[in-house]
Protein backbone atom coordinates (compact mmCIF):
# COMPACT_ATOMS: atom_id res chain seq x y z
CA MET A 1 93.19 6.67 3.21
CA ILE A 2 91.35 6.63 -0.26
CA PHE A 3 90.56 2.84 -0.01
CA TRP A 4 89.15 3.22 3.44
CA GLN A 5 86.84 6.01 1.86
CA ASP A 6 85.46 3.47 -0.48
CA GLY A 7 85.36 0.53 2.03
CA ALA A 8 83.11 2.65 4.26
CA MET A 9 80.61 4.02 1.87
CA ARG A 10 80.00 0.63 0.17
CA SER A 11 79.65 -0.51 4.12
CA LEU A 12 76.92 2.84 4.39
CA TYR A 13 75.18 1.76 0.77
CA ARG A 14 74.89 -2.16 2.15
CA SER A 15 72.88 -0.34 5.17
CA LEU A 16 70.64 2.04 3.50
CA ALA A 17 70.15 -0.60 0.78
CA ALA A 18 68.98 -3.27 3.38
CA LEU A 19 67.04 -0.51 5.27
CA VAL A 20 64.93 -0.06 2.10
CA LEU A 21 63.76 -3.85 1.70
CA ALA A 22 62.86 -3.95 4.56
CA ALA A 23 60.43 -1.15 4.96
CA ALA A 24 59.58 -2.38 1.47
CA THR A 25 58.52 -5.88 2.64
CA THR A 26 56.88 -4.90 6.05
CA SER A 27 54.40 -2.64 4.08
CA LEU A 28 53.69 -5.43 1.91
CA SER A 29 52.87 -8.00 4.78
CA ALA A 30 50.67 -5.57 6.33
CA GLN A 31 48.52 -5.09 2.47
CA ILE A 32 48.27 -9.02 2.50
CA VAL A 33 47.36 -9.32 6.27
CA GLN A 34 44.63 -6.23 5.57
CA ARG A 35 43.29 -8.00 2.26
CA ARG A 36 42.68 -11.31 4.13
CA GLU A 37 40.79 -9.32 6.73
CA LEU A 38 38.39 -7.29 4.53
CA PRO A 39 35.27 -9.55 3.82
CA PRO A 40 34.30 -10.60 0.39
CA ARG A 41 33.73 -8.04 -2.20
CA PRO A 42 29.73 -9.19 -3.11
CA ASN A 43 28.82 -9.46 -7.15
CA PRO A 44 25.45 -8.05 -7.57
CA ASN A 45 24.94 -10.47 -10.49
CA SER A 46 25.36 -13.11 -8.77
CA GLY A 47 22.02 -13.69 -6.71
CA GLN A 48 24.28 -14.30 -3.13
CA PRO A 49 23.22 -12.45 0.13
CA GLN A 50 25.44 -9.08 -0.02
CA THR A 51 27.52 -8.90 3.46
CA ASP A 52 28.26 -5.30 5.31
CA ALA A 53 31.81 -4.59 4.90
CA THR A 54 31.41 -2.78 8.21
CA THR A 55 33.30 -3.53 11.32
CA ASN A 56 30.91 -5.33 13.97
CA PRO A 57 31.51 -4.01 17.47
CA GLY A 58 30.56 -7.45 19.02
CA GLY A 59 33.12 -9.07 17.08
CA GLY A 60 33.24 -12.19 15.16
CA ALA A 61 32.25 -12.55 11.12
CA PRO A 62 30.19 -9.59 9.52
CA ALA A 63 26.52 -9.22 9.88
CA THR A 64 24.62 -10.86 6.51
CA ARG A 65 22.60 -8.42 5.10
CA VAL A 66 19.59 -10.20 2.39
CA ALA A 67 18.16 -8.04 0.15
CA GLU A 68 14.32 -8.45 0.05
CA PRO A 69 12.26 -8.71 -2.93
CA VAL A 70 10.02 -6.48 -3.43
CA PRO A 71 6.60 -7.49 -4.58
CA ALA A 72 5.76 -6.13 -8.34
CA SER A 73 2.09 -4.69 -6.86
CA SER A 74 3.41 -2.39 -3.77
CA ALA A 75 6.75 -1.92 -5.44
CA PRO A 76 7.10 2.19 -6.16
CA SER A 77 6.61 3.63 -10.07
CA ALA A 78 10.40 3.46 -10.43
CA LEU A 79 11.30 -0.31 -9.50
CA ILE A 80 8.03 -1.08 -11.40
CA GLY A 81 11.20 -0.89 -14.25
CA THR A 82 12.92 -3.51 -13.20
CA ILE A 83 10.60 -6.15 -12.30
CA GLN A 84 11.09 -8.87 -15.39
CA SER A 85 8.08 -11.38 -14.32
CA MET A 86 4.27 -11.88 -13.44
CA ALA A 87 4.29 -13.80 -10.57
CA GLY A 88 4.07 -11.49 -7.92
CA LEU A 89 1.62 -9.46 -9.25
CA ASP A 90 -1.62 -8.89 -6.65
CA THR A 91 -4.43 -11.01 -6.57
CA ARG A 92 -6.58 -9.80 -4.08
CA HIS A 93 -7.66 -6.04 -4.61
CA ARG A 94 -10.15 -5.81 -6.87
CA LEU A 95 -10.47 -3.17 -9.24
CA GLY A 96 -12.63 0.00 -9.43
CA ALA A 97 -13.12 3.29 -10.92
CA GLY A 98 -10.32 6.23 -9.83
CA ASP A 99 -7.26 3.13 -8.85
CA ARG A 100 -4.73 4.63 -10.56
CA LEU A 101 -1.66 2.06 -12.21
CA THR A 102 1.60 1.79 -13.51
CA TYR A 103 1.50 -0.33 -16.43
CA ARG A 104 4.38 -1.45 -18.53
CA VAL A 105 5.11 -4.66 -21.40
CA VAL A 106 9.00 -5.87 -20.42
CA GLU A 107 9.53 -6.58 -23.64
CA ASP A 108 8.63 -3.05 -24.82
CA LYS A 109 11.93 -1.83 -22.83
CA ASP A 110 9.55 1.72 -22.34
CA LYS A 111 9.40 3.27 -19.28
CA PRO A 112 6.51 1.96 -17.18
CA VAL A 113 3.34 4.74 -17.94
CA GLY A 114 0.58 5.58 -15.57
CA ILE A 115 -2.94 4.60 -16.69
CA GLN A 116 -6.47 4.80 -14.22
CA VAL A 117 -9.57 3.01 -14.30
CA THR A 118 -12.40 5.08 -15.64
CA ASP A 119 -15.81 5.54 -14.40
CA SER A 120 -17.02 2.56 -16.54
CA GLY A 121 -14.53 0.39 -15.30
CA GLU A 122 -11.95 0.57 -18.03
CA VAL A 123 -8.02 1.30 -18.26
CA GLU A 124 -6.47 2.48 -21.69
CA VAL A 125 -3.45 0.57 -22.44
CA PRO A 126 -1.21 1.89 -24.53
CA TYR A 127 -0.98 0.80 -28.55
CA TYR A 128 -4.38 -1.10 -27.80
CA GLY A 129 -7.19 0.35 -26.87
CA ARG A 130 -9.74 0.04 -24.00
CA VAL A 131 -9.86 -2.95 -21.64
CA ARG A 132 -12.42 -3.99 -19.06
CA ALA A 133 -10.55 -3.68 -15.54
CA GLN A 134 -13.27 -3.52 -13.14
CA GLY A 135 -13.73 -6.22 -10.50
CA LYS A 136 -10.10 -7.70 -11.12
CA SER A 137 -7.40 -8.16 -9.41
CA CYS A 138 -4.18 -6.89 -11.04
CA MET A 139 -2.69 -10.42 -12.11
CA GLU A 140 -5.75 -11.04 -14.03
CA LEU A 141 -5.83 -7.62 -15.41
CA ALA A 142 -2.27 -8.44 -16.42
CA GLN A 143 -2.82 -11.90 -17.75
CA LEU A 144 -5.96 -10.56 -19.90
CA ILE A 145 -4.40 -7.66 -21.90
CA LYS A 146 -1.43 -10.05 -22.27
CA SER A 147 -3.67 -12.53 -24.05
CA ARG A 148 -4.91 -9.38 -26.41
CA LEU A 149 -1.48 -8.56 -27.02
CA GLU A 150 -0.59 -11.90 -28.04
CA GLN A 151 -2.98 -12.06 -29.99
CA ASP A 152 -3.28 -8.65 -32.19
CA LEU A 153 0.44 -7.28 -31.56
CA TYR A 154 2.82 -9.68 -29.93
CA TYR A 155 4.78 -12.63 -30.00
CA LYS A 156 5.22 -12.32 -26.58
CA ALA A 157 4.22 -9.64 -23.58
CA THR A 158 5.45 -9.92 -20.51
CA VAL A 159 2.41 -7.63 -18.76
CA ILE A 160 3.23 -5.53 -15.39
CA VAL A 161 0.46 -3.91 -13.49
CA ALA A 162 0.85 -2.39 -9.94
CA LEU A 163 -1.47 -0.37 -7.79
CA ASP A 164 -0.43 2.68 -7.25
CA SER A 165 -3.49 4.26 -5.32
CA ILE A 166 -6.82 3.24 -4.77
CA GLY A 167 -9.89 5.77 -5.80
CA ARG A 168 -12.93 6.40 -4.28
CA GLN A 169 -15.41 3.82 -5.20
CA ALA A 170 -19.22 4.07 -5.34
CA ALA A 171 -21.14 1.40 -3.70
CA VAL A 172 -22.56 -1.01 -6.54
CA SER A 173 -26.63 -0.21 -7.40
CA PRO A 174 -28.24 -3.75 -6.45
CA GLY A 175 -30.98 -2.71 -9.13
CA ARG A 176 -33.91 -0.33 -10.43
CA VAL A 177 -37.57 0.23 -9.53
CA TYR A 178 -39.77 1.80 -11.41
CA LEU A 179 -42.04 4.76 -11.17
CA THR A 180 -45.55 4.97 -12.78
CA GLY A 181 -48.88 7.07 -12.49
CA ALA A 182 -49.17 10.78 -11.10
CA VAL A 183 -45.16 10.89 -10.11
CA ARG A 184 -43.57 14.76 -11.65
CA SER A 185 -40.97 12.19 -13.25
CA PRO A 186 -42.17 8.61 -13.94
CA GLY A 187 -39.85 5.77 -14.97
CA ALA A 188 -36.71 3.45 -13.85
CA ILE A 189 -34.07 4.74 -11.58
CA GLU A 190 -30.92 3.51 -9.90
CA MET A 191 -31.04 1.98 -6.14
CA PRO A 192 -28.06 3.60 -4.14
CA GLY A 193 -25.79 0.95 -3.01
CA ASP A 194 -25.16 2.63 0.36
CA GLU A 195 -28.23 3.45 1.84
CA LYS A 196 -31.94 1.88 2.52
CA LEU A 197 -34.95 3.09 -0.63
CA THR A 198 -38.18 3.01 0.60
CA VAL A 199 -41.32 3.84 -1.01
CA SER A 200 -41.82 7.67 0.16
CA LYS A 201 -38.00 8.03 -1.11
CA ALA A 202 -38.03 6.64 -4.65
CA ILE A 203 -41.59 9.20 -4.93
CA LEU A 204 -38.87 11.93 -3.53
CA ARG A 205 -36.51 10.93 -6.49
CA VAL A 206 -38.75 11.66 -8.61
CA GLY A 207 -39.64 15.35 -7.58
CA GLY A 208 -42.68 14.16 -5.59
CA PHE A 209 -46.57 13.48 -6.80
CA ALA A 210 -47.80 15.04 -9.22
CA ASP A 211 -50.84 17.64 -9.01
CA PHE A 212 -53.82 14.86 -8.46
CA GLY A 213 -51.67 12.04 -7.26
CA ASN A 214 -52.80 9.97 -4.59
CA GLN A 215 -50.93 10.07 -1.88
CA LYS A 216 -52.48 7.94 0.71
CA LYS A 217 -53.24 4.70 -1.89
CA VAL A 218 -49.83 4.37 -3.40
CA MET A 219 -49.44 0.98 -4.71
CA LEU A 220 -46.44 -0.80 -4.45
CA ILE A 221 -46.48 -4.13 -7.19
CA ARG A 222 -43.88 -6.69 -6.15
CA LYS A 223 -43.33 -10.41 -8.06
CA ALA A 224 -42.49 -13.10 -6.07
CA LYS A 225 -39.84 -15.50 -7.26
CA ASP A 226 -42.66 -18.10 -8.00
CA GLY A 227 -43.96 -15.03 -10.81
CA LYS A 228 -46.78 -14.22 -9.13
CA SER A 229 -47.50 -10.41 -8.36
CA THR A 230 -48.53 -9.11 -4.83
CA THR A 231 -49.31 -5.31 -4.24
CA THR A 232 -49.37 -3.20 -1.33
CA ILE A 233 -50.75 -0.03 -0.12
CA VAL A 234 -48.93 2.52 1.39
CA ASP A 235 -50.10 5.70 2.81
CA VAL A 236 -47.34 8.22 1.84
CA ARG A 237 -49.10 11.01 2.90
CA ALA A 238 -49.19 9.54 6.63
CA ILE A 239 -45.51 8.91 5.96
CA LEU A 240 -44.30 12.89 4.72
CA GLU A 241 -46.74 13.42 8.16
CA GLY A 242 -44.50 11.50 10.52
CA GLN A 243 -45.26 7.90 10.47
CA LEU A 244 -42.39 6.45 9.26
CA GLU A 245 -42.93 2.97 10.41
CA LYS A 246 -45.55 2.43 7.53
CA ASP A 247 -43.07 3.19 5.44
CA VAL A 248 -41.54 0.01 3.39
CA GLU A 249 -38.29 -0.98 2.09
CA LEU A 250 -37.96 -1.48 -1.53
CA GLU A 251 -36.33 -4.26 -3.44
CA PRO A 252 -35.06 -4.47 -7.49
CA GLY A 253 -37.75 -5.34 -9.59
CA ASP A 254 -40.46 -3.14 -7.52
CA THR A 255 -43.26 -0.63 -8.87
CA ILE A 256 -44.71 1.61 -7.49
CA ARG A 257 -47.95 3.22 -9.22
CA VAL A 258 -49.45 6.11 -7.42
CA PRO A 259 -53.15 6.46 -9.38
CA GLU A 260 -55.18 10.15 -9.87
CA ARG A 261 -57.69 11.61 -6.86
CA THR A 262 -60.87 11.52 -8.83
CA LEU A 263 -61.78 15.16 -7.04
CA ASN A 264 -59.02 17.47 -6.45
CA ILE A 265 -60.24 18.34 -2.91
CA GLY A 266 -57.04 18.56 -0.89
CA PHE A 267 -56.03 15.09 -0.30
């Protein structure tokens, strides 16, 4: 009786051990199959396209998701710190007063800083000073700063400049005109870049006629390309009374001379 019980117990143990081994083998096989079905995990430093690990509803291989490079000129400030080359800097936009920029030198390993183009057309470069930026692209400005830094402070400087926002730029004046004679404030005035300047407008800009200014015989003196000067008489009194067609548009370098009247009798 005892021998039969020992044999039965041994048979029961063998059966349980076989069941446990079979379950472990099944689980291991399932894990191996699952690992083979999953896509490889991308290496962020390999430079290879990253694949999407989610299941494709249409079946087949998962879609490849390629990370688009962000040009330095249009990258947000948070990404400028990751750019290591000047190759992608903007070459189209011409910088002007009020433009806000993000600036860094790669070799410094410092965070990017904000700089702005001043009304005089310059930017304040950290550790160096003022550099002319007006009319340059981000690429041209970066190359200029790089050459300056490598002359005085750096063995090598990789300069990153990116445009953050465009300022309101005033139109550039085409030149000056000069007023002499019987006007309130004789001298030179800048011609506006966004509107036409005429004889009557120029006189009004300097405060108008002096007390004895001859409003009917204003002299417009213009020098031609051959060096000769021509004089045109303009009746500003008639223009101010409504005859606008008599007004003359000015050119850079023109001189307006207002003579005095001989008698103050209401002219």
